[in-house]
Amino acid sequence: MDRIIAVGKRVSRLRYSALQLVNFSILVTTYPLAMKIGVDTLFGIVVMPLIFIIAFLYHLVLIFQRTMDIGGRWQWAFLAFIPFINFFYGIGLLFWKGSEGLNSYGNPPVQKHSYSIVLVILSIVLISYGMSIMPTGLTES
């Protein structure tokens, strides 16, 4: 658990991709769930925005971790906020190889492919669930 949320740790390409996919799938599931329960309920007013804020902050943590893995300065992570550049930077984070061996941010991340595969499967299940409860159209009352 320490490795997942620690800002000062490095994260590999595969784990970064899997964790971003999980983060996205939680958002994809939360929105239709709020629509189904009702946006004027406690879930829609308090819980859903809280989930979005936590997901956004975790997205930032992953960007910082991946930037550290490629050996970039932590300031490079702010490229994710510049329109148009953020698209190319995001693609780069997915495909740039991390630094070989020790860099100024620590040892290379441990490769645990089974962990990442489980995360991808979990994401597919969450996205499928989110899509299945998505409202299909607007009905007049």
N, C-alpha and C. Protein backbone atom coordinates (compact mmCIF):
# COMPACT_ATOMS: atom_id res chain seq x y z
N MET A 1 0.82 -1.19 0.00
CA MET A 1 0.00 0.00 0.00
C MET A 1 0.87 1.26 0.00
N ASP A 2 1.98 1.21 0.72
CA ASP A 2 2.89 2.34 0.78
C ASP A 2 3.37 2.71 -0.62
N ARG A 3 3.64 1.72 -1.46
CA ARG A 3 4.16 1.94 -2.80
C ARG A 3 3.12 2.59 -3.71
N ILE A 4 1.85 2.37 -3.44
CA ILE A 4 0.81 2.88 -4.32
C ILE A 4 0.59 4.38 -4.13
N ILE A 5 0.62 4.87 -2.89
CA ILE A 5 0.26 6.26 -2.65
C ILE A 5 1.43 7.18 -2.33
N ALA A 6 2.63 6.67 -2.15
CA ALA A 6 3.76 7.51 -1.78
C ALA A 6 4.19 8.39 -2.94
N VAL A 7 4.21 9.70 -2.73
CA VAL A 7 4.56 10.63 -3.80
C VAL A 7 6.02 10.50 -4.19
N GLY A 8 6.90 10.19 -3.26
CA GLY A 8 8.33 10.13 -3.54
C GLY A 8 8.81 8.83 -4.16
N LYS A 9 7.93 7.94 -4.51
CA LYS A 9 8.33 6.65 -5.09
C LYS A 9 8.22 6.69 -6.60
N ARG A 10 8.93 5.78 -7.24
CA ARG A 10 8.87 5.65 -8.69
C ARG A 10 7.83 4.60 -9.06
N VAL A 11 7.21 4.75 -10.23
CA VAL A 11 6.21 3.79 -10.69
C VAL A 11 6.53 3.42 -12.14
N SER A 12 6.42 2.14 -12.46
CA SER A 12 6.73 1.67 -13.81
C SER A 12 5.61 2.01 -14.79
N ARG A 13 5.90 1.85 -16.08
CA ARG A 13 4.91 2.14 -17.11
C ARG A 13 3.66 1.29 -16.96
N LEU A 14 3.86 -0.01 -16.74
CA LEU A 14 2.73 -0.93 -16.64
C LEU A 14 1.87 -0.62 -15.42
N ARG A 15 2.49 -0.40 -14.28
CA ARG A 15 1.73 -0.09 -13.07
C ARG A 15 1.05 1.27 -13.20
N TYR A 16 1.73 2.24 -13.79
CA TYR A 16 1.14 3.57 -14.02
C TYR A 16 -0.12 3.43 -14.87
N SER A 17 -0.02 2.67 -15.96
CA SER A 17 -1.17 2.48 -16.85
C SER A 17 -2.32 1.80 -16.13
N ALA A 18 -2.00 0.75 -15.37
CA ALA A 18 -3.04 0.00 -14.66
C ALA A 18 -3.71 0.86 -13.59
N LEU A 19 -2.92 1.61 -12.83
CA LEU A 19 -3.51 2.44 -11.77
C LEU A 19 -4.31 3.61 -12.34
N GLN A 20 -3.86 4.17 -13.45
CA GLN A 20 -4.65 5.23 -14.09
C GLN A 20 -5.97 4.68 -14.62
N LEU A 21 -5.93 3.45 -15.13
CA LEU A 21 -7.14 2.81 -15.62
C LEU A 21 -8.12 2.55 -14.47
N VAL A 22 -7.61 2.11 -13.33
CA VAL A 22 -8.47 1.92 -12.15
C VAL A 22 -9.07 3.26 -11.73
N ASN A 23 -8.26 4.29 -11.70
CA ASN A 23 -8.72 5.62 -11.33
C ASN A 23 -9.84 6.07 -12.27
N PHE A 24 -9.65 5.88 -13.56
CA PHE A 24 -10.66 6.25 -14.55
C PHE A 24 -11.92 5.42 -14.38
N SER A 25 -11.77 4.13 -14.12
CA SER A 25 -12.94 3.26 -14.00
C SER A 25 -13.78 3.63 -12.78
N ILE A 26 -13.14 4.10 -11.71
CA ILE A 26 -13.89 4.55 -10.54
C ILE A 26 -14.74 5.77 -10.91
N LEU A 27 -14.17 6.67 -11.70
CA LEU A 27 -14.93 7.85 -12.12
C LEU A 27 -16.08 7.46 -13.06
N VAL A 28 -15.81 6.52 -13.96
CA VAL A 28 -16.84 6.07 -14.90
C VAL A 28 -17.98 5.39 -14.17
N THR A 29 -17.69 4.74 -13.07
CA THR A 29 -18.72 4.05 -12.29
C THR A 29 -19.46 5.03 -11.37
N THR A 30 -18.78 6.01 -10.84
CA THR A 30 -19.38 6.94 -9.87
C THR A 30 -20.46 7.80 -10.50
N TYR A 31 -20.21 8.32 -11.68
CA TYR A 31 -21.16 9.23 -12.30
C TYR A 31 -22.52 8.57 -12.56
N PRO A 32 -22.57 7.42 -13.27
CA PRO A 32 -23.89 6.81 -13.48
C PRO A 32 -24.56 6.36 -12.18
N LEU A 33 -23.75 5.98 -11.21
CA LEU A 33 -24.30 5.59 -9.92
C LEU A 33 -24.99 6.79 -9.26
N ALA A 34 -24.37 7.96 -9.36
CA ALA A 34 -24.98 9.17 -8.81
C ALA A 34 -26.25 9.53 -9.57
N MET A 35 -26.24 9.32 -10.88
CA MET A 35 -27.43 9.60 -11.67
C MET A 35 -28.57 8.65 -11.29
N LYS A 36 -28.22 7.42 -11.00
CA LYS A 36 -29.23 6.43 -10.63
C LYS A 36 -29.77 6.70 -9.23
N ILE A 37 -28.90 7.00 -8.28
CA ILE A 37 -29.32 7.27 -6.90
C ILE A 37 -30.00 8.63 -6.81
N GLY A 38 -29.46 9.57 -7.55
CA GLY A 38 -30.01 10.92 -7.53
C GLY A 38 -28.94 11.92 -7.15
N VAL A 39 -28.79 12.95 -7.97
CA VAL A 39 -27.76 13.94 -7.70
C VAL A 39 -28.10 14.86 -6.55
N ASP A 40 -29.37 14.86 -6.14
CA ASP A 40 -29.76 15.71 -5.02
C ASP A 40 -29.74 14.97 -3.68
N THR A 41 -29.16 13.78 -3.67
CA THR A 41 -29.01 13.01 -2.43
C THR A 41 -27.66 13.30 -1.80
N LEU A 42 -27.43 12.73 -0.63
CA LEU A 42 -26.14 12.88 0.05
C LEU A 42 -25.01 12.35 -0.84
N PHE A 43 -25.27 11.24 -1.54
CA PHE A 43 -24.25 10.68 -2.41
C PHE A 43 -23.87 11.66 -3.52
N GLY A 44 -24.87 12.27 -4.14
CA GLY A 44 -24.61 13.20 -5.24
C GLY A 44 -24.01 14.52 -4.82
N ILE A 45 -24.35 14.95 -3.61
CA ILE A 45 -23.89 16.26 -3.15
C ILE A 45 -22.53 16.19 -2.45
N VAL A 46 -22.29 15.13 -1.67
CA VAL A 46 -21.07 15.06 -0.87
C VAL A 46 -20.11 13.98 -1.36
N VAL A 47 -20.62 12.76 -1.50
CA VAL A 47 -19.74 11.62 -1.78
C VAL A 47 -19.14 11.70 -3.19
N MET A 48 -19.97 11.98 -4.19
CA MET A 48 -19.46 12.02 -5.56
C MET A 48 -18.38 13.09 -5.76
N PRO A 49 -18.60 14.34 -5.31
CA PRO A 49 -17.51 15.32 -5.44
C PRO A 49 -16.25 14.91 -4.68
N LEU A 50 -16.43 14.30 -3.51
CA LEU A 50 -15.28 13.84 -2.74
C LEU A 50 -14.50 12.77 -3.49
N ILE A 51 -15.22 11.84 -4.13
CA ILE A 51 -14.56 10.81 -4.94
C ILE A 51 -13.81 11.45 -6.10
N PHE A 52 -14.41 12.44 -6.76
CA PHE A 52 -13.74 13.12 -7.87
C PHE A 52 -12.47 13.83 -7.40
N ILE A 53 -12.53 14.48 -6.25
CA ILE A 53 -11.35 15.19 -5.73
C ILE A 53 -10.24 14.20 -5.39
N ILE A 54 -10.59 13.11 -4.72
CA ILE A 54 -9.59 12.09 -4.38
C ILE A 54 -8.99 11.48 -5.64
N ALA A 55 -9.83 11.21 -6.64
CA ALA A 55 -9.33 10.64 -7.90
C ALA A 55 -8.38 11.61 -8.59
N PHE A 56 -8.71 12.90 -8.58
CA PHE A 56 -7.84 13.89 -9.20
C PHE A 56 -6.50 13.97 -8.48
N LEU A 57 -6.53 14.00 -7.15
CA LEU A 57 -5.29 14.05 -6.39
C LEU A 57 -4.44 12.80 -6.61
N TYR A 58 -5.09 11.64 -6.70
CA TYR A 58 -4.35 10.40 -6.96
C TYR A 58 -3.76 10.41 -8.37
N HIS A 59 -4.48 11.00 -9.31
CA HIS A 59 -3.97 11.17 -10.67
C HIS A 59 -2.68 11.99 -10.64
N LEU A 60 -2.66 13.05 -9.86
CA LEU A 60 -1.46 13.88 -9.72
C LEU A 60 -0.31 13.09 -9.10
N VAL A 61 -0.61 12.30 -8.07
CA VAL A 61 0.43 11.47 -7.43
C VAL A 61 1.04 10.53 -8.47
N LEU A 62 0.22 9.92 -9.29
CA LEU A 62 0.74 8.99 -10.32
C LEU A 62 1.60 9.73 -11.34
N ILE A 63 1.19 10.92 -11.71
CA ILE A 63 2.00 11.71 -12.66
C ILE A 63 3.36 12.03 -12.05
N PHE A 64 3.38 12.44 -10.78
CA PHE A 64 4.65 12.73 -10.10
C PHE A 64 5.52 11.47 -10.02
N GLN A 65 4.91 10.33 -9.65
CA GLN A 65 5.67 9.09 -9.53
C GLN A 65 6.27 8.68 -10.87
N ARG A 66 5.48 8.79 -11.93
CA ARG A 66 5.97 8.38 -13.26
C ARG A 66 7.06 9.34 -13.75
N THR A 67 6.89 10.63 -13.47
CA THR A 67 7.91 11.61 -13.84
C THR A 67 9.22 11.30 -13.14
N MET A 68 9.15 10.90 -11.88
CA MET A 68 10.35 10.53 -11.13
C MET A 68 11.00 9.28 -11.72
N ASP A 69 10.19 8.35 -12.20
CA ASP A 69 10.74 7.12 -12.75
C ASP A 69 11.53 7.38 -14.03
N ILE A 70 11.08 8.33 -14.83
CA ILE A 70 11.82 8.61 -16.07
C ILE A 70 13.03 9.51 -15.80
N GLY A 71 13.20 9.91 -14.54
CA GLY A 71 14.36 10.72 -14.18
C GLY A 71 14.15 12.20 -14.38
N GLY A 72 12.90 12.61 -14.62
CA GLY A 72 12.60 14.01 -14.82
C GLY A 72 12.51 14.76 -13.51
N ARG A 73 12.64 16.05 -13.60
CA ARG A 73 12.46 16.88 -12.41
C ARG A 73 10.98 16.89 -12.04
N TRP A 74 10.68 17.04 -10.77
CA TRP A 74 9.29 17.00 -10.33
C TRP A 74 8.47 18.12 -10.96
N GLN A 75 9.11 19.21 -11.35
CA GLN A 75 8.40 20.33 -11.97
C GLN A 75 7.82 19.94 -13.32
N TRP A 76 8.39 18.93 -13.97
CA TRP A 76 7.89 18.48 -15.27
C TRP A 76 6.45 18.00 -15.16
N ALA A 77 6.05 17.54 -14.00
CA ALA A 77 4.68 17.03 -13.83
C ALA A 77 3.65 18.12 -14.12
N PHE A 78 4.03 19.37 -13.98
CA PHE A 78 3.07 20.45 -14.24
C PHE A 78 2.80 20.63 -15.73
N LEU A 79 3.55 19.95 -16.59
CA LEU A 79 3.23 19.95 -18.02
C LEU A 79 1.86 19.33 -18.26
N ALA A 80 1.39 18.54 -17.32
CA ALA A 80 0.08 17.89 -17.44
C ALA A 80 -1.05 18.91 -17.36
N PHE A 81 -0.78 20.15 -16.99
CA PHE A 81 -1.81 21.18 -16.88
C PHE A 81 -1.83 22.14 -18.06
N ILE A 82 -0.89 22.02 -18.97
CA ILE A 82 -0.82 22.93 -20.11
C ILE A 82 -1.57 22.30 -21.28
N PRO A 83 -2.64 22.97 -21.73
CA PRO A 83 -3.41 22.40 -22.83
C PRO A 83 -2.53 22.09 -24.05
N PHE A 84 -2.87 21.05 -24.75
CA PHE A 84 -2.20 20.52 -25.92
C PHE A 84 -0.89 19.81 -25.55
N ILE A 85 -0.06 20.44 -24.75
CA ILE A 85 1.19 19.80 -24.31
C ILE A 85 0.87 18.61 -23.41
N ASN A 86 -0.20 18.74 -22.60
CA ASN A 86 -0.54 17.68 -21.67
C ASN A 86 -0.87 16.37 -22.39
N PHE A 87 -1.43 16.44 -23.58
CA PHE A 87 -1.74 15.23 -24.34
C PHE A 87 -0.45 14.48 -24.68
N PHE A 88 0.54 15.18 -25.20
CA PHE A 88 1.79 14.55 -25.59
C PHE A 88 2.60 14.10 -24.36
N TYR A 89 2.53 14.87 -23.30
CA TYR A 89 3.23 14.49 -22.07
C TYR A 89 2.60 13.23 -21.49
N GLY A 90 1.28 13.15 -21.50
CA GLY A 90 0.58 11.96 -21.02
C GLY A 90 0.93 10.72 -21.82
N ILE A 91 0.98 10.86 -23.14
CA ILE A 91 1.38 9.73 -24.00
C ILE A 91 2.83 9.36 -23.69
N GLY A 92 3.68 10.36 -23.49
CA GLY A 92 5.08 10.10 -23.16
C GLY A 92 5.22 9.32 -21.86
N LEU A 93 4.43 9.67 -20.86
CA LEU A 93 4.49 8.95 -19.59
C LEU A 93 4.12 7.48 -19.75
N LEU A 94 3.25 7.19 -20.70
CA LEU A 94 2.86 5.80 -20.95
C LEU A 94 3.97 5.01 -21.64
N PHE A 95 4.77 5.67 -22.48
CA PHE A 95 5.72 4.94 -23.31
C PHE A 95 7.20 5.17 -23.00
N TRP A 96 7.57 6.29 -22.36
CA TRP A 96 8.97 6.51 -22.03
C TRP A 96 9.45 5.47 -21.04
N LYS A 97 10.60 4.93 -21.32
CA LYS A 97 11.17 3.94 -20.41
C LYS A 97 11.74 4.64 -19.19
N GLY A 98 11.58 4.01 -18.04
CA GLY A 98 12.11 4.57 -16.80
C GLY A 98 13.63 4.49 -16.77
N SER A 99 14.23 5.24 -15.89
CA SER A 99 15.68 5.22 -15.74
C SER A 99 16.15 3.84 -15.32
N GLU A 100 17.25 3.41 -15.90
CA GLU A 100 17.84 2.13 -15.52
C GLU A 100 18.51 2.28 -14.15
N GLY A 101 18.23 1.38 -13.26
CA GLY A 101 18.87 1.40 -11.96
C GLY A 101 18.48 2.59 -11.10
N LEU A 102 19.35 2.92 -10.18
CA LEU A 102 19.12 3.98 -9.22
C LEU A 102 19.17 5.34 -9.89
N ASN A 103 18.18 6.19 -9.62
CA ASN A 103 18.28 7.58 -10.05
C ASN A 103 18.12 8.45 -8.80
N SER A 104 18.01 9.75 -8.96
CA SER A 104 17.98 10.63 -7.79
C SER A 104 16.71 10.47 -6.95
N TYR A 105 15.73 9.71 -7.46
CA TYR A 105 14.49 9.48 -6.71
C TYR A 105 14.42 8.09 -6.10
N GLY A 106 15.47 7.30 -6.23
CA GLY A 106 15.49 6.00 -5.58
C GLY A 106 15.70 4.84 -6.54
N ASN A 107 15.48 3.65 -6.01
CA ASN A 107 15.63 2.42 -6.79
C ASN A 107 14.52 2.30 -7.81
N PRO A 108 14.76 1.52 -8.87
CA PRO A 108 13.70 1.32 -9.86
C PRO A 108 12.52 0.57 -9.23
N PRO A 109 11.32 0.79 -9.78
CA PRO A 109 10.16 0.09 -9.23
C PRO A 109 10.25 -1.41 -9.48
N VAL A 110 9.70 -2.16 -8.54
CA VAL A 110 9.67 -3.62 -8.67
C VAL A 110 8.59 -3.98 -9.68
N GLN A 111 8.94 -4.86 -10.61
CA GLN A 111 7.98 -5.29 -11.63
C GLN A 111 7.09 -6.39 -11.07
N LYS A 112 5.81 -6.10 -10.91
CA LYS A 112 4.84 -7.09 -10.47
C LYS A 112 3.73 -7.13 -11.51
N HIS A 113 3.92 -7.94 -12.55
CA HIS A 113 2.97 -7.97 -13.65
C HIS A 113 1.62 -8.54 -13.23
N SER A 114 1.62 -9.52 -12.32
CA SER A 114 0.35 -10.12 -11.91
C SER A 114 -0.52 -9.09 -11.20
N TYR A 115 0.09 -8.23 -10.42
CA TYR A 115 -0.63 -7.15 -9.73
C TYR A 115 -1.30 -6.23 -10.75
N SER A 116 -0.57 -5.85 -11.78
CA SER A 116 -1.10 -4.95 -12.79
C SER A 116 -2.21 -5.61 -13.60
N ILE A 117 -2.06 -6.89 -13.88
CA ILE A 117 -3.09 -7.61 -14.63
C ILE A 117 -4.38 -7.66 -13.83
N VAL A 118 -4.29 -7.90 -12.53
CA VAL A 118 -5.47 -7.90 -11.66
C VAL A 118 -6.13 -6.53 -11.68
N LEU A 119 -5.35 -5.46 -11.65
CA LEU A 119 -5.90 -4.10 -11.69
C LEU A 119 -6.63 -3.83 -13.01
N VAL A 120 -6.07 -4.31 -14.11
CA VAL A 120 -6.71 -4.11 -15.41
C VAL A 120 -8.05 -4.87 -15.45
N ILE A 121 -8.06 -6.10 -14.95
CA ILE A 121 -9.31 -6.88 -14.92
C ILE A 121 -10.34 -6.18 -14.04
N LEU A 122 -9.92 -5.69 -12.88
CA LEU A 122 -10.82 -4.95 -11.99
C LEU A 122 -11.38 -3.73 -12.71
N SER A 123 -10.55 -3.03 -13.45
CA SER A 123 -11.00 -1.85 -14.18
C SER A 123 -12.03 -2.20 -15.23
N ILE A 124 -11.80 -3.27 -15.95
CA ILE A 124 -12.76 -3.70 -16.98
C ILE A 124 -14.10 -4.02 -16.34
N VAL A 125 -14.07 -4.70 -15.20
CA VAL A 125 -15.32 -5.02 -14.49
C VAL A 125 -16.02 -3.74 -14.04
N LEU A 126 -15.27 -2.79 -13.46
CA LEU A 126 -15.87 -1.53 -13.00
C LEU A 126 -16.44 -0.71 -14.16
N ILE A 127 -15.70 -0.63 -15.26
CA ILE A 127 -16.18 0.12 -16.41
C ILE A 127 -17.42 -0.54 -16.99
N SER A 128 -17.42 -1.87 -17.07
CA SER A 128 -18.60 -2.58 -17.57
C SER A 128 -19.81 -2.32 -16.69
N TYR A 129 -19.60 -2.34 -15.38
CA TYR A 129 -20.70 -2.05 -14.45
C TYR A 129 -21.18 -0.61 -14.63
N GLY A 130 -20.26 0.31 -14.72
CA GLY A 130 -20.63 1.71 -14.91
C GLY A 130 -21.41 1.93 -16.19
N MET A 131 -21.00 1.25 -17.24
CA MET A 131 -21.71 1.38 -18.52
C MET A 131 -23.09 0.74 -18.45
N SER A 132 -23.21 -0.33 -17.66
CA SER A 132 -24.51 -1.02 -17.59
C SER A 132 -25.54 -0.22 -16.81
N ILE A 133 -25.11 0.62 -15.88
CA ILE A 133 -26.08 1.41 -15.12
C ILE A 133 -26.21 2.84 -15.65
N MET A 134 -25.51 3.14 -16.74
CA MET A 134 -25.55 4.48 -17.33
C MET A 134 -26.97 4.76 -17.84
N PRO A 135 -27.51 5.92 -17.50
CA PRO A 135 -28.82 6.25 -18.03
C PRO A 135 -28.78 6.30 -19.55
N THR A 136 -29.80 5.71 -20.19
CA THR A 136 -29.78 5.61 -21.66
C THR A 136 -30.42 6.80 -22.33
N GLY A 137 -31.26 7.49 -21.67
CA GLY A 137 -31.89 8.66 -22.29
C GLY A 137 -32.65 9.45 -21.26
N LEU A 138 -33.08 10.59 -21.68
CA LEU A 138 -33.84 11.45 -20.79
C LEU A 138 -35.32 11.17 -20.99
N THR A 139 -36.04 11.02 -19.92
CA THR A 139 -37.47 10.83 -20.01
C THR A 139 -38.16 12.07 -19.46
N GLU A 140 -39.28 12.39 -20.07
CA GLU A 140 -40.02 13.56 -19.59
C GLU A 140 -40.88 13.15 -18.42
N SER A 141 -40.93 14.02 -17.43
CA SER A 141 -41.75 13.71 -16.25
C SER A 141 -43.06 14.46 -16.32
